[in-house]
Amino acid sequence: MLSSPVGRFRLLALAEAVSWAGLLLGMFFKYVVVENEIGVKIFGPVHGAVFVAYLLVALMMAQRWDRKTLFWALVAAVPPFGTVVFERWAARTGRLDETRDGVQTARD
């Protein structure tokens, strides 16, 4: 899975969403339940690192995508779970397909 840019993108799209969930859960416990910051202290940096990694791998995918697709991939990182929605859309529309030589087929 990690041997191709597409595999890295798919993994980081999921990891970004999971880290968002952890951060949101940490914020819930910090501000609503027990006023304990440990969840935010743990998931804040984790989410930050995964967010940056997702952006970098999305930029690596720029050689396979048109500018519009890249734009939406980058925008998808902002709202919670947007990366999963984008990844599923990209897979459904063929933007994550690979041929034998590892180059995506062009589709719009």
C-alpha atoms as a PDB file:
ATOM      1  CA  MET A   1       0.000   0.000   0.000  1.00  0.00           C
ATOM      2  CA  LEU A   2       2.774   2.445   0.824  1.00  0.00           C
ATOM      3  CA  SER A   3       4.814   1.536  -2.239  1.00  0.00           C
ATOM      4  CA  SER A   4       2.838   3.852  -4.541  1.00  0.00           C
ATOM      5  CA  PRO A   5       1.721   7.478  -4.283  1.00  0.00           C
ATOM      6  CA  VAL A   6      -1.900   6.337  -4.626  1.00  0.00           C
ATOM      7  CA  GLY A   7      -1.507   3.928  -1.714  1.00  0.00           C
ATOM      8  CA  ARG A   8       0.119   6.594   0.447  1.00  0.00           C
ATOM      9  CA  PHE A   9      -2.627   9.043  -0.459  1.00  0.00           C
ATOM     10  CA  ARG A  10      -5.394   6.590   0.444  1.00  0.00           C
ATOM     11  CA  LEU A  11      -3.747   5.693   3.761  1.00  0.00           C
ATOM     12  CA  LEU A  12      -3.135   9.312   4.736  1.00  0.00           C
ATOM     13  CA  ALA A  13      -6.678  10.332   3.754  1.00  0.00           C
ATOM     14  CA  LEU A  14      -7.984   7.772   6.234  1.00  0.00           C
ATOM     15  CA  ALA A  15      -5.366   8.635   8.873  1.00  0.00           C
ATOM     16  CA  GLU A  16      -6.231  12.332   8.584  1.00  0.00           C
ATOM     17  CA  ALA A  17      -9.903  11.568   9.245  1.00  0.00           C
ATOM     18  CA  VAL A  18      -9.058   9.311  12.201  1.00  0.00           C
ATOM     19  CA  SER A  19      -6.768  11.952  13.693  1.00  0.00           C
ATOM     20  CA  TRP A  20      -9.569  14.517  13.253  1.00  0.00           C
ATOM     21  CA  ALA A  21     -11.889  12.194  15.194  1.00  0.00           C
ATOM     22  CA  GLY A  22      -9.313  11.847  17.963  1.00  0.00           C
ATOM     23  CA  LEU A  23      -8.816  15.593  18.159  1.00  0.00           C
ATOM     24  CA  LEU A  24     -12.560  16.250  18.228  1.00  0.00           C
ATOM     25  CA  LEU A  25     -12.980  13.658  20.969  1.00  0.00           C
ATOM     26  CA  GLY A  26     -10.121  15.225  22.920  1.00  0.00           C
ATOM     27  CA  MET A  27     -11.745  18.659  22.562  1.00  0.00           C
ATOM     28  CA  PHE A  28     -15.076  17.240  23.731  1.00  0.00           C
ATOM     29  CA  PHE A  29     -13.466  15.877  26.887  1.00  0.00           C
ATOM     30  CA  LYS A  30     -11.470  19.073  27.428  1.00  0.00           C
ATOM     31  CA  TYR A  31     -14.316  21.540  27.072  1.00  0.00           C
ATOM     32  CA  VAL A  32     -17.447  19.558  27.961  1.00  0.00           C
ATOM     33  CA  VAL A  33     -16.838  16.549  30.160  1.00  0.00           C
ATOM     34  CA  VAL A  34     -13.846  16.707  32.486  1.00  0.00           C
ATOM     35  CA  GLU A  35     -11.840  19.780  31.479  1.00  0.00           C
ATOM     36  CA  ASN A  36      -8.765  17.600  30.973  1.00  0.00           C
ATOM     37  CA  GLU A  37      -6.380  18.576  28.172  1.00  0.00           C
ATOM     38  CA  ILE A  38      -4.634  15.233  27.693  1.00  0.00           C
ATOM     39  CA  GLY A  39      -6.656  14.278  24.591  1.00  0.00           C
ATOM     40  CA  VAL A  40      -5.891  17.575  22.889  1.00  0.00           C
ATOM     41  CA  LYS A  41      -2.227  17.404  23.899  1.00  0.00           C
ATOM     42  CA  ILE A  42      -1.959  13.964  22.311  1.00  0.00           C
ATOM     43  CA  PHE A  43      -4.160  14.292  19.240  1.00  0.00           C
ATOM     44  CA  GLY A  44      -3.309  17.916  18.428  1.00  0.00           C
ATOM     45  CA  PRO A  45       0.265  17.207  17.328  1.00  0.00           C
ATOM     46  CA  VAL A  46      -0.718  13.860  15.795  1.00  0.00           C
ATOM     47  CA  HIS A  47      -3.409  15.518  13.702  1.00  0.00           C
ATOM     48  CA  GLY A  48      -1.029  18.325  12.748  1.00  0.00           C
ATOM     49  CA  ALA A  49       1.613  15.887  11.513  1.00  0.00           C
ATOM     50  CA  VAL A  50      -0.890  13.749   9.600  1.00  0.00           C
ATOM     51  CA  PHE A  51      -2.486  16.895   8.124  1.00  0.00           C
ATOM     52  CA  VAL A  52       0.873  18.070   6.780  1.00  0.00           C
ATOM     53  CA  ALA A  53       1.696  14.579   5.474  1.00  0.00           C
ATOM     54  CA  TYR A  54      -1.683  14.452   3.696  1.00  0.00           C
ATOM     55  CA  LEU A  55      -1.047  17.832   2.064  1.00  0.00           C
ATOM     56  CA  LEU A  56       2.390  16.705   0.896  1.00  0.00           C
ATOM     57  CA  VAL A  57       1.133  13.457  -0.588  1.00  0.00           C
ATOM     58  CA  ALA A  58      -1.750  15.327  -2.253  1.00  0.00           C
ATOM     59  CA  LEU A  59       0.825  17.631  -3.829  1.00  0.00           C
ATOM     60  CA  MET A  60       2.741  14.543  -4.984  1.00  0.00           C
ATOM     61  CA  MET A  61      -0.455  13.433  -6.718  1.00  0.00           C
ATOM     62  CA  ALA A  62      -0.490  16.698  -8.686  1.00  0.00           C
ATOM     63  CA  GLN A  63       1.405  14.988 -11.508  1.00  0.00           C
ATOM     64  CA  ARG A  64      -1.584  12.661 -11.971  1.00  0.00           C
ATOM     65  CA  TRP A  65      -4.432  15.103 -11.392  1.00  0.00           C
ATOM     66  CA  ASP A  66      -5.639  18.275 -13.011  1.00  0.00           C
ATOM     67  CA  ARG A  67      -5.587  21.484 -10.975  1.00  0.00           C
ATOM     68  CA  LYS A  68      -9.255  21.271 -10.065  1.00  0.00           C
ATOM     69  CA  THR A  69      -8.849  17.814  -8.549  1.00  0.00           C
ATOM     70  CA  LEU A  70      -5.756  18.901  -6.638  1.00  0.00           C
ATOM     71  CA  PHE A  71      -7.608  21.972  -5.356  1.00  0.00           C
ATOM     72  CA  TRP A  72     -10.449  19.829  -3.993  1.00  0.00           C
ATOM     73  CA  ALA A  73      -7.994  17.356  -2.453  1.00  0.00           C
ATOM     74  CA  LEU A  74      -6.361  20.212  -0.538  1.00  0.00           C
ATOM     75  CA  VAL A  75      -9.700  21.766   0.471  1.00  0.00           C
ATOM     76  CA  ALA A  76     -10.906  18.351   1.699  1.00  0.00           C
ATOM     77  CA  ALA A  77      -8.269  18.435   4.441  1.00  0.00           C
ATOM     78  CA  VAL A  78      -9.965  21.348   6.206  1.00  0.00           C
ATOM     79  CA  PRO A  79     -13.399  20.035   7.291  1.00  0.00           C
ATOM     80  CA  PRO A  80     -13.514  16.971   9.527  1.00  0.00           C
ATOM     81  CA  PHE A  81     -13.640  13.724   7.514  1.00  0.00           C
ATOM     82  CA  GLY A  82     -13.440  15.613   4.203  1.00  0.00           C
ATOM     83  CA  THR A  83     -10.432  13.569   3.141  1.00  0.00           C
ATOM     84  CA  VAL A  84     -12.440  10.342   3.287  1.00  0.00           C
ATOM     85  CA  VAL A  85     -15.231  11.891   1.224  1.00  0.00           C
ATOM     86  CA  PHE A  86     -12.685  13.122  -1.324  1.00  0.00           C
ATOM     87  CA  GLU A  87     -10.832   9.791  -1.412  1.00  0.00           C
ATOM     88  CA  ARG A  88     -14.043   7.878  -2.093  1.00  0.00           C
ATOM     89  CA  TRP A  89     -15.042  10.336  -4.820  1.00  0.00           C
ATOM     90  CA  ALA A  90     -11.578  10.151  -6.397  1.00  0.00           C
ATOM     91  CA  ALA A  91     -11.652   6.356  -6.343  1.00  0.00           C
ATOM     92  CA  ARG A  92     -15.158   6.246  -7.826  1.00  0.00           C
ATOM     93  CA  THR A  93     -14.259   8.639 -10.635  1.00  0.00           C
ATOM     94  CA  GLY A  94     -11.021   6.848 -11.536  1.00  0.00           C
ATOM     95  CA  ARG A  95      -8.625   9.459 -10.223  1.00  0.00           C
ATOM     96  CA  LEU A  96      -6.929   6.869  -8.014  1.00  0.00           C
ATOM     97  CA  ASP A  97      -6.665   4.171 -10.678  1.00  0.00           C
ATOM     98  CA  GLU A  98      -3.223   2.904 -11.549  1.00  0.00           C
ATOM     99  CA  THR A  99      -2.087   1.165 -14.678  1.00  0.00           C
ATOM    100  CA  ARG A 100       0.644  -1.465 -14.741  1.00  0.00           C
ATOM    101  CA  ASP A 101       3.370   1.180 -14.895  1.00  0.00           C
ATOM    102  CA  GLY A 102       1.912   3.132 -11.974  1.00  0.00           C
ATOM    103  CA  VAL A 103       0.559   6.076 -13.947  1.00  0.00           C
ATOM    104  CA  GLN A 104      -3.069   6.963 -13.560  1.00  0.00           C
ATOM    105  CA  THR A 105      -5.309   6.890 -16.583  1.00  0.00           C
ATOM    106  CA  ALA A 106      -6.640  10.325 -17.520  1.00  0.00           C
ATOM    107  CA  ARG A 107     -10.329  10.817 -16.800  1.00  0.00           C
ATOM    108  CA  ASP A 108     -12.506  13.851 -16.175  1.00  0.00           C
END
